[in-house]
C-alpha atoms as a PDB file:
ATOM      1  CA  MET A   1      -4.382  -5.594   5.840  1.00  0.00           C
ATOM      2  CA  THR A   2      -2.011  -7.324   3.469  1.00  0.00           C
ATOM      3  CA  LYS A   3       1.356  -6.111   2.314  1.00  0.00           C
ATOM      4  CA  ASP A   4      -0.049  -6.072  -1.246  1.00  0.00           C
ATOM      5  CA  ASN A   5      -2.045  -2.927  -0.399  1.00  0.00           C
ATOM      6  CA  LEU A   6       0.994  -1.010   0.857  1.00  0.00           C
ATOM      7  CA  PHE A   7       3.338   1.134  -1.204  1.00  0.00           C
ATOM      8  CA  LYS A   8       6.838   2.259  -0.294  1.00  0.00           C
ATOM      9  CA  PRO A   9       8.016   5.857  -0.522  1.00  0.00           C
ATOM     10  CA  GLY A  10       9.425   6.466  -4.010  1.00  0.00           C
ATOM     11  CA  GLU A  11       7.183   3.845  -5.646  1.00  0.00           C
ATOM     12  CA  LYS A  12       4.994   5.137  -8.446  1.00  0.00           C
ATOM     13  CA  ALA A  13       1.373   5.781  -7.491  1.00  0.00           C
ATOM     14  CA  VAL A  14      -0.857   3.123  -9.063  1.00  0.00           C
ATOM     15  CA  ALA A  15      -3.787   5.570  -9.298  1.00  0.00           C
ATOM     16  CA  SER A  16      -4.426   9.244  -8.634  1.00  0.00           C
ATOM     17  CA  GLY A  17      -5.945   9.936  -5.230  1.00  0.00           C
ATOM     18  CA  GLN A  18      -5.417  10.154  -1.489  1.00  0.00           C
ATOM     19  CA  TYR A  19      -2.827   7.856   0.091  1.00  0.00           C
ATOM     20  CA  GLU A  20      -2.901   7.276   3.844  1.00  0.00           C
ATOM     21  CA  LEU A  21       0.372   7.100   5.759  1.00  0.00           C
ATOM     22  CA  ILE A  22       0.728   3.764   7.605  1.00  0.00           C
ATOM     23  CA  ASP A  23       3.159   3.439  10.526  1.00  0.00           C
ATOM     24  CA  SER A  24       5.695   0.664  11.062  1.00  0.00           C
ATOM     25  CA  HIS A  25       3.113  -1.334  13.070  1.00  0.00           C
ATOM     26  CA  GLY A  26       0.562  -1.304  10.220  1.00  0.00           C
ATOM     27  CA  LYS A  27      -1.685   1.317  11.799  1.00  0.00           C
ATOM     28  CA  PRO A  28      -2.908   4.521  10.073  1.00  0.00           C
ATOM     29  CA  THR A  29      -1.250   7.735  11.282  1.00  0.00           C
ATOM     30  CA  GLY A  30      -4.127  10.014  10.282  1.00  0.00           C
ATOM     31  CA  GLN A  31      -1.991  11.757   7.661  1.00  0.00           C
ATOM     32  CA  GLU A  32      -2.724  11.612   3.928  1.00  0.00           C
ATOM     33  CA  VAL A  33      -0.966  12.778   0.782  1.00  0.00           C
ATOM     34  CA  THR A  34      -2.367  13.412  -2.679  1.00  0.00           C
ATOM     35  CA  ALA A  35      -0.565  11.611  -5.488  1.00  0.00           C
ATOM     36  CA  ILE A  36      -0.980  11.557  -9.259  1.00  0.00           C
ATOM     37  CA  GLU A  37      -0.896   8.231 -11.103  1.00  0.00           C
ATOM     38  CA  GLY A  38       2.655   7.431 -12.190  1.00  0.00           C
ATOM     39  CA  SER A  39       4.334   9.971  -9.900  1.00  0.00           C
ATOM     40  CA  PRO A  40       6.580   8.791  -7.053  1.00  0.00           C
ATOM     41  CA  LEU A  41       5.139   8.737  -3.550  1.00  0.00           C
ATOM     42  CA  PRO A  42       6.928  11.188  -1.229  1.00  0.00           C
ATOM     43  CA  PRO A  43       9.394  10.271   1.514  1.00  0.00           C
ATOM     44  CA  THR A  44       7.844   9.273   4.848  1.00  0.00           C
ATOM     45  CA  PRO A  45       8.616  11.105   8.092  1.00  0.00           C
ATOM     46  CA  GLU A  46       9.899   7.931   9.791  1.00  0.00           C
ATOM     47  CA  HIS A  47      11.623   4.684   8.828  1.00  0.00           C
ATOM     48  CA  GLN A  48       9.467   1.649   7.900  1.00  0.00           C
ATOM     49  CA  GLN A  49       6.349   3.668   7.020  1.00  0.00           C
ATOM     50  CA  HIS A  50       4.250   2.981   3.915  1.00  0.00           C
ATOM     51  CA  TYR A  51       1.262   4.329   2.006  1.00  0.00           C
ATOM     52  CA  ARG A  52      -2.143   2.823   1.226  1.00  0.00           C
ATOM     53  CA  LEU A  53      -4.568   4.149  -1.390  1.00  0.00           C
ATOM     54  CA  VAL A  54      -7.756   5.115   0.470  1.00  0.00           C
ATOM     55  CA  ASP A  55      -9.627   7.426  -1.913  1.00  0.00           C
ATOM     56  CA  PRO A  56      -8.955   7.053  -5.634  1.00  0.00           C
ATOM     57  CA  THR A  57      -9.853  10.071  -7.758  1.00  0.00           C
ATOM     58  CA  LYS A  58     -13.122   9.740  -9.599  1.00  0.00           C
ATOM     59  CA  HIS A  59     -12.990  11.007 -13.167  1.00  0.00           C
ATOM     60  CA  LYS A  60     -16.056  12.531 -14.747  1.00  0.00           C
ATOM     61  CA  ASN A  61     -16.733  11.513 -18.337  1.00  0.00           C
ATOM     62  CA  MET A  62     -16.852  14.508 -20.614  1.00  0.00           C
END
């Protein structure tokens, strides 16, 4: 996993979807948050944690 895939708390979500919480050692915690594109990612429970987009929202064409 590269640092390019990780987002800090407070950064704007690059896409709507599920973001996985990554611990300070780079391992998934099993927790996810839902974020909307352009909204800030929420604070993390512990210092040095980040988010990674794991399931972007799929939009249906209407």
